[in-house]
Amino acid sequence: MAQPERNARPRMRPAPLLFEPAEATADEEHFFDLESMEDPKELLARATELTHAFRAATDRSVEFQAMAAAQLADPGRFDRLSPSDVAERAEWTEDYAKKMIEFGRSLLNAPRAS
């Protein structure tokens, strides 16, 4: 995995990811109704919209992972976890866990916008 970095550009507001009904997700060919679109322009637009939404969701999820890792490894916690314990829980390497803990601390210590 790449080293986590804060993105300097402002966040885009992607299309909302709506959960699909269970019966739709059981069909391997079904993916957010893209398979039913016949107009290639519409298909490209919606697929691009979903791509941006998934990327934004991934970036945001990584930030939350980093903050959770930093909180779990906080020396002020009586039940703190070592970087190797965090790595094991998250299925990371220990070096990556250390980077994520550091990244999480930077996010938690960043001044919040009002």
N, C-alpha and C. Protein backbone atom coordinates (compact mmCIF):
# COMPACT_ATOMS: atom_id res chain seq x y z
N MET A 1 0.84 -1.19 0.00
CA MET A 1 0.00 0.00 0.00
C MET A 1 0.87 1.24 0.00
N ALA A 2 0.39 2.27 -0.59
CA ALA A 2 1.13 3.51 -0.64
C ALA A 2 1.10 4.18 0.72
N GLN A 3 2.09 5.01 0.95
CA GLN A 3 2.15 5.74 2.20
C GLN A 3 1.00 6.72 2.27
N PRO A 4 0.28 6.75 3.40
CA PRO A 4 -0.86 7.67 3.48
C PRO A 4 -0.39 9.11 3.51
N GLU A 5 -1.09 9.94 2.78
CA GLU A 5 -0.79 11.37 2.74
C GLU A 5 -2.09 12.14 2.76
N ARG A 6 -2.05 13.31 3.32
CA ARG A 6 -3.23 14.19 3.26
C ARG A 6 -3.28 14.80 1.88
N ASN A 7 -4.42 14.84 1.35
CA ASN A 7 -4.62 15.40 0.02
C ASN A 7 -4.81 16.89 0.14
N ALA A 8 -3.98 17.66 -0.57
CA ALA A 8 -4.01 19.12 -0.45
C ALA A 8 -5.21 19.74 -1.17
N ARG A 9 -5.75 19.05 -2.16
CA ARG A 9 -6.87 19.64 -2.90
C ARG A 9 -8.16 19.47 -2.10
N PRO A 10 -9.10 20.37 -2.30
CA PRO A 10 -10.37 20.26 -1.57
C PRO A 10 -11.12 18.99 -1.97
N ARG A 11 -11.88 18.48 -1.03
CA ARG A 11 -12.64 17.25 -1.29
C ARG A 11 -13.79 17.52 -2.24
N MET A 12 -13.94 16.60 -3.19
CA MET A 12 -15.09 16.66 -4.09
C MET A 12 -16.28 16.06 -3.36
N ARG A 13 -17.43 16.49 -3.69
CA ARG A 13 -18.65 15.88 -3.16
C ARG A 13 -19.10 14.85 -4.18
N PRO A 14 -18.70 13.59 -4.00
CA PRO A 14 -19.07 12.58 -5.00
C PRO A 14 -20.52 12.19 -4.88
N ALA A 15 -20.96 11.46 -5.87
CA ALA A 15 -22.32 10.92 -5.85
C ALA A 15 -22.45 10.01 -4.63
N PRO A 16 -23.59 10.03 -3.99
CA PRO A 16 -23.75 9.17 -2.83
C PRO A 16 -23.73 7.70 -3.25
N LEU A 17 -23.09 6.88 -2.43
CA LEU A 17 -23.10 5.44 -2.67
C LEU A 17 -24.32 4.89 -1.95
N LEU A 18 -25.22 4.36 -2.72
CA LEU A 18 -26.43 3.79 -2.14
C LEU A 18 -26.25 2.29 -2.09
N PHE A 19 -26.65 1.70 -0.97
CA PHE A 19 -26.53 0.27 -0.83
C PHE A 19 -27.59 -0.40 -1.68
N GLU A 20 -27.19 -1.47 -2.31
CA GLU A 20 -28.10 -2.20 -3.17
C GLU A 20 -28.87 -3.24 -2.35
N PRO A 21 -30.09 -3.54 -2.74
CA PRO A 21 -30.84 -4.59 -2.04
C PRO A 21 -30.09 -5.91 -2.13
N ALA A 22 -30.27 -6.75 -1.14
CA ALA A 22 -29.56 -8.03 -1.07
C ALA A 22 -29.79 -8.88 -2.31
N GLU A 23 -31.01 -8.88 -2.83
CA GLU A 23 -31.28 -9.70 -4.02
C GLU A 23 -30.50 -9.20 -5.24
N ALA A 24 -30.23 -7.92 -5.31
CA ALA A 24 -29.47 -7.38 -6.44
C ALA A 24 -27.99 -7.74 -6.31
N THR A 25 -27.46 -7.70 -5.11
CA THR A 25 -26.04 -8.00 -4.93
C THR A 25 -25.76 -9.49 -5.06
N ALA A 26 -26.78 -10.33 -4.95
CA ALA A 26 -26.59 -11.77 -5.13
C ALA A 26 -26.27 -12.09 -6.59
N ASP A 27 -26.70 -11.25 -7.49
CA ASP A 27 -26.43 -11.43 -8.92
C ASP A 27 -25.06 -10.83 -9.22
N GLU A 28 -24.10 -11.69 -9.59
CA GLU A 28 -22.73 -11.23 -9.84
C GLU A 28 -22.62 -10.25 -10.99
N GLU A 29 -23.56 -10.28 -11.89
CA GLU A 29 -23.55 -9.36 -13.03
C GLU A 29 -24.09 -7.99 -12.66
N HIS A 30 -24.76 -7.88 -11.53
CA HIS A 30 -25.39 -6.63 -11.12
C HIS A 30 -24.40 -5.75 -10.38
N PHE A 31 -24.28 -4.51 -10.81
CA PHE A 31 -23.40 -3.56 -10.12
C PHE A 31 -23.98 -2.17 -10.28
N PHE A 32 -24.68 -1.72 -9.25
CA PHE A 32 -25.28 -0.40 -9.21
C PHE A 32 -26.07 -0.08 -10.47
N ASP A 33 -26.67 -1.09 -11.04
CA ASP A 33 -27.55 -0.98 -12.20
C ASP A 33 -26.82 -0.57 -13.48
N LEU A 34 -25.49 -0.62 -13.47
CA LEU A 34 -24.73 -0.22 -14.66
C LEU A 34 -24.99 -1.17 -15.83
N GLU A 35 -25.18 -2.45 -15.53
CA GLU A 35 -25.35 -3.44 -16.59
C GLU A 35 -26.63 -3.21 -17.40
N SER A 36 -27.57 -2.47 -16.83
CA SER A 36 -28.82 -2.23 -17.55
C SER A 36 -28.79 -0.96 -18.40
N MET A 37 -27.74 -0.19 -18.32
CA MET A 37 -27.66 1.06 -19.10
C MET A 37 -27.24 0.74 -20.53
N GLU A 38 -28.00 1.26 -21.47
CA GLU A 38 -27.71 1.00 -22.88
C GLU A 38 -26.98 2.16 -23.54
N ASP A 39 -27.20 3.37 -23.06
CA ASP A 39 -26.56 4.54 -23.65
C ASP A 39 -25.12 4.63 -23.11
N PRO A 40 -24.11 4.50 -23.99
CA PRO A 40 -22.73 4.53 -23.52
C PRO A 40 -22.33 5.85 -22.85
N LYS A 41 -22.95 6.95 -23.26
CA LYS A 41 -22.66 8.24 -22.62
C LYS A 41 -23.15 8.23 -21.18
N GLU A 42 -24.36 7.72 -20.98
CA GLU A 42 -24.93 7.63 -19.64
C GLU A 42 -24.12 6.64 -18.79
N LEU A 43 -23.72 5.52 -19.39
CA LEU A 43 -22.93 4.52 -18.69
C LEU A 43 -21.58 5.10 -18.25
N LEU A 44 -20.92 5.80 -19.16
CA LEU A 44 -19.64 6.41 -18.82
C LEU A 44 -19.79 7.43 -17.71
N ALA A 45 -20.82 8.26 -17.79
CA ALA A 45 -21.04 9.29 -16.76
C ALA A 45 -21.29 8.65 -15.40
N ARG A 46 -22.17 7.65 -15.34
CA ARG A 46 -22.50 7.02 -14.06
C ARG A 46 -21.32 6.21 -13.52
N ALA A 47 -20.61 5.49 -14.39
CA ALA A 47 -19.44 4.72 -13.95
C ALA A 47 -18.35 5.65 -13.43
N THR A 48 -18.17 6.78 -14.09
CA THR A 48 -17.19 7.77 -13.63
C THR A 48 -17.60 8.34 -12.28
N GLU A 49 -18.87 8.64 -12.13
CA GLU A 49 -19.42 9.15 -10.87
C GLU A 49 -19.16 8.14 -9.74
N LEU A 50 -19.41 6.88 -10.02
CA LEU A 50 -19.16 5.83 -9.01
C LEU A 50 -17.68 5.71 -8.69
N THR A 51 -16.83 5.80 -9.70
CA THR A 51 -15.38 5.73 -9.48
C THR A 51 -14.93 6.83 -8.53
N HIS A 52 -15.40 8.05 -8.76
CA HIS A 52 -15.04 9.16 -7.88
C HIS A 52 -15.58 8.94 -6.46
N ALA A 53 -16.77 8.42 -6.37
CA ALA A 53 -17.38 8.16 -5.06
C ALA A 53 -16.59 7.09 -4.30
N PHE A 54 -16.21 6.03 -4.98
CA PHE A 54 -15.44 4.97 -4.32
C PHE A 54 -14.06 5.48 -3.90
N ARG A 55 -13.43 6.28 -4.73
CA ARG A 55 -12.11 6.84 -4.36
C ARG A 55 -12.23 7.74 -3.13
N ALA A 56 -13.24 8.60 -3.12
CA ALA A 56 -13.45 9.48 -1.98
C ALA A 56 -13.75 8.67 -0.72
N ALA A 57 -14.55 7.63 -0.87
CA ALA A 57 -14.88 6.77 0.27
C ALA A 57 -13.63 6.06 0.78
N THR A 58 -12.78 5.62 -0.14
CA THR A 58 -11.54 4.95 0.26
C THR A 58 -10.63 5.92 1.01
N ASP A 59 -10.45 7.12 0.48
CA ASP A 59 -9.60 8.11 1.15
C ASP A 59 -10.11 8.40 2.55
N ARG A 60 -11.40 8.58 2.67
CA ARG A 60 -11.99 8.91 3.98
C ARG A 60 -11.87 7.73 4.94
N SER A 61 -12.06 6.52 4.44
CA SER A 61 -11.94 5.33 5.27
C SER A 61 -10.51 5.17 5.79
N VAL A 62 -9.52 5.45 4.93
CA VAL A 62 -8.12 5.35 5.34
C VAL A 62 -7.84 6.36 6.46
N GLU A 63 -8.40 7.56 6.35
CA GLU A 63 -8.22 8.55 7.42
C GLU A 63 -8.81 8.05 8.73
N PHE A 64 -9.98 7.45 8.68
CA PHE A 64 -10.59 6.91 9.90
C PHE A 64 -9.78 5.74 10.44
N GLN A 65 -9.23 4.90 9.56
CA GLN A 65 -8.36 3.82 10.02
C GLN A 65 -7.16 4.40 10.76
N ALA A 66 -6.56 5.43 10.19
CA ALA A 66 -5.38 6.04 10.80
C ALA A 66 -5.71 6.64 12.16
N MET A 67 -6.83 7.32 12.26
CA MET A 67 -7.21 7.92 13.55
C MET A 67 -7.47 6.83 14.58
N ALA A 68 -8.13 5.76 14.18
CA ALA A 68 -8.40 4.66 15.11
C ALA A 68 -7.09 4.01 15.55
N ALA A 69 -6.17 3.81 14.62
CA ALA A 69 -4.87 3.22 14.95
C ALA A 69 -4.12 4.10 15.95
N ALA A 70 -4.15 5.42 15.72
CA ALA A 70 -3.48 6.34 16.63
C ALA A 70 -4.12 6.30 18.01
N GLN A 71 -5.42 6.22 18.07
CA GLN A 71 -6.10 6.16 19.36
C GLN A 71 -5.78 4.86 20.09
N LEU A 72 -5.75 3.74 19.35
CA LEU A 72 -5.44 2.46 19.98
C LEU A 72 -4.00 2.39 20.49
N ALA A 73 -3.10 3.10 19.82
CA ALA A 73 -1.68 3.09 20.20
C ALA A 73 -1.31 4.25 21.13
N ASP A 74 -2.28 5.04 21.55
CA ASP A 74 -2.03 6.20 22.40
C ASP A 74 -1.37 5.76 23.72
N PRO A 75 -0.18 6.31 24.02
CA PRO A 75 0.49 5.93 25.26
C PRO A 75 -0.31 6.29 26.52
N GLY A 76 -1.26 7.18 26.41
CA GLY A 76 -2.09 7.56 27.56
C GLY A 76 -3.17 6.53 27.90
N ARG A 77 -3.37 5.58 27.02
CA ARG A 77 -4.39 4.54 27.28
C ARG A 77 -3.77 3.42 28.11
N PHE A 78 -4.50 2.99 29.11
CA PHE A 78 -3.99 1.88 29.92
C PHE A 78 -4.00 0.57 29.12
N ASP A 79 -4.86 0.49 28.13
CA ASP A 79 -4.98 -0.72 27.31
C ASP A 79 -4.43 -0.51 25.89
N ARG A 80 -3.47 0.39 25.77
CA ARG A 80 -2.95 0.71 24.44
C ARG A 80 -2.37 -0.53 23.77
N LEU A 81 -2.37 -0.46 22.44
CA LEU A 81 -1.82 -1.54 21.64
C LEU A 81 -0.47 -1.13 21.07
N SER A 82 0.39 -2.09 20.91
CA SER A 82 1.68 -1.83 20.24
C SER A 82 1.43 -1.74 18.74
N PRO A 83 2.37 -1.14 18.01
CA PRO A 83 2.21 -1.10 16.55
C PRO A 83 2.03 -2.50 15.94
N SER A 84 2.69 -3.49 16.49
CA SER A 84 2.53 -4.84 15.94
C SER A 84 1.13 -5.38 16.21
N ASP A 85 0.55 -5.02 17.37
CA ASP A 85 -0.83 -5.43 17.65
C ASP A 85 -1.82 -4.73 16.71
N VAL A 86 -1.59 -3.45 16.48
CA VAL A 86 -2.44 -2.70 15.54
C VAL A 86 -2.32 -3.31 14.15
N ALA A 87 -1.09 -3.63 13.75
CA ALA A 87 -0.85 -4.23 12.44
C ALA A 87 -1.60 -5.56 12.30
N GLU A 88 -1.56 -6.35 13.34
CA GLU A 88 -2.24 -7.64 13.28
C GLU A 88 -3.75 -7.47 13.14
N ARG A 89 -4.32 -6.54 13.90
CA ARG A 89 -5.77 -6.31 13.83
C ARG A 89 -6.20 -5.81 12.47
N ALA A 90 -5.40 -4.95 11.87
CA ALA A 90 -5.77 -4.32 10.60
C ALA A 90 -5.23 -5.08 9.38
N GLU A 91 -4.49 -6.15 9.64
CA GLU A 91 -3.87 -6.93 8.56
C GLU A 91 -2.90 -6.08 7.74
N TRP A 92 -2.07 -5.33 8.46
CA TRP A 92 -1.02 -4.51 7.87
C TRP A 92 0.33 -5.07 8.27
N THR A 93 1.40 -4.54 7.65
CA THR A 93 2.74 -4.82 8.15
C THR A 93 2.97 -3.89 9.34
N GLU A 94 3.93 -4.21 10.16
CA GLU A 94 4.21 -3.36 11.31
C GLU A 94 4.70 -1.98 10.88
N ASP A 95 5.52 -1.94 9.83
CA ASP A 95 6.00 -0.63 9.34
C ASP A 95 4.84 0.24 8.86
N TYR A 96 3.89 -0.37 8.16
CA TYR A 96 2.74 0.39 7.68
C TYR A 96 1.90 0.86 8.87
N ALA A 97 1.75 0.01 9.88
CA ALA A 97 0.99 0.40 11.08
C ALA A 97 1.64 1.61 11.75
N LYS A 98 2.94 1.62 11.83
CA LYS A 98 3.64 2.77 12.43
C LYS A 98 3.36 4.04 11.64
N LYS A 99 3.37 3.95 10.32
CA LYS A 99 3.08 5.12 9.47
C LYS A 99 1.63 5.57 9.65
N MET A 100 0.73 4.59 9.72
CA MET A 100 -0.68 4.93 9.90
C MET A 100 -0.92 5.56 11.28
N ILE A 101 -0.26 5.07 12.31
CA ILE A 101 -0.38 5.66 13.65
C ILE A 101 0.10 7.10 13.62
N GLU A 102 1.24 7.33 12.98
CA GLU A 102 1.77 8.69 12.86
C GLU A 102 0.81 9.58 12.07
N PHE A 103 0.29 9.06 10.97
CA PHE A 103 -0.67 9.81 10.15
C PHE A 103 -1.92 10.12 10.96
N GLY A 104 -2.41 9.15 11.69
CA GLY A 104 -3.59 9.35 12.53
C GLY A 104 -3.37 10.41 13.59
N ARG A 105 -2.19 10.39 14.19
CA ARG A 105 -1.88 11.43 15.20
C ARG A 105 -1.89 12.81 14.57
N SER A 106 -1.36 12.91 13.35
CA SER A 106 -1.37 14.22 12.68
C SER A 106 -2.81 14.67 12.39
N LEU A 107 -3.67 13.73 12.05
CA LEU A 107 -5.07 14.09 11.79
C LEU A 107 -5.77 14.50 13.10
N LEU A 108 -5.50 13.76 14.15
CA LEU A 108 -6.16 14.07 15.43
C LEU A 108 -5.66 15.38 16.03
N ASN A 109 -4.42 15.74 15.73
CA ASN A 109 -3.86 16.98 16.28
C ASN A 109 -4.04 18.20 15.37
N ALA A 110 -4.58 17.97 14.18
CA ALA A 110 -4.79 19.08 13.25
C ALA A 110 -5.89 19.99 13.77
N PRO A 111 -5.71 21.31 13.61
CA PRO A 111 -6.78 22.22 14.03
C PRO A 111 -8.03 21.98 13.20
N ARG A 112 -9.16 21.98 13.86
CA ARG A 112 -10.44 21.73 13.17
C ARG A 112 -11.02 23.03 12.66
N ALA A 113 -11.58 22.96 11.46
CA ALA A 113 -12.26 24.13 10.88
C ALA A 113 -13.59 24.33 11.57
N SER A 114 -13.95 25.55 11.83
CA SER A 114 -15.23 25.84 12.50
C SER A 114 -16.34 26.02 11.53
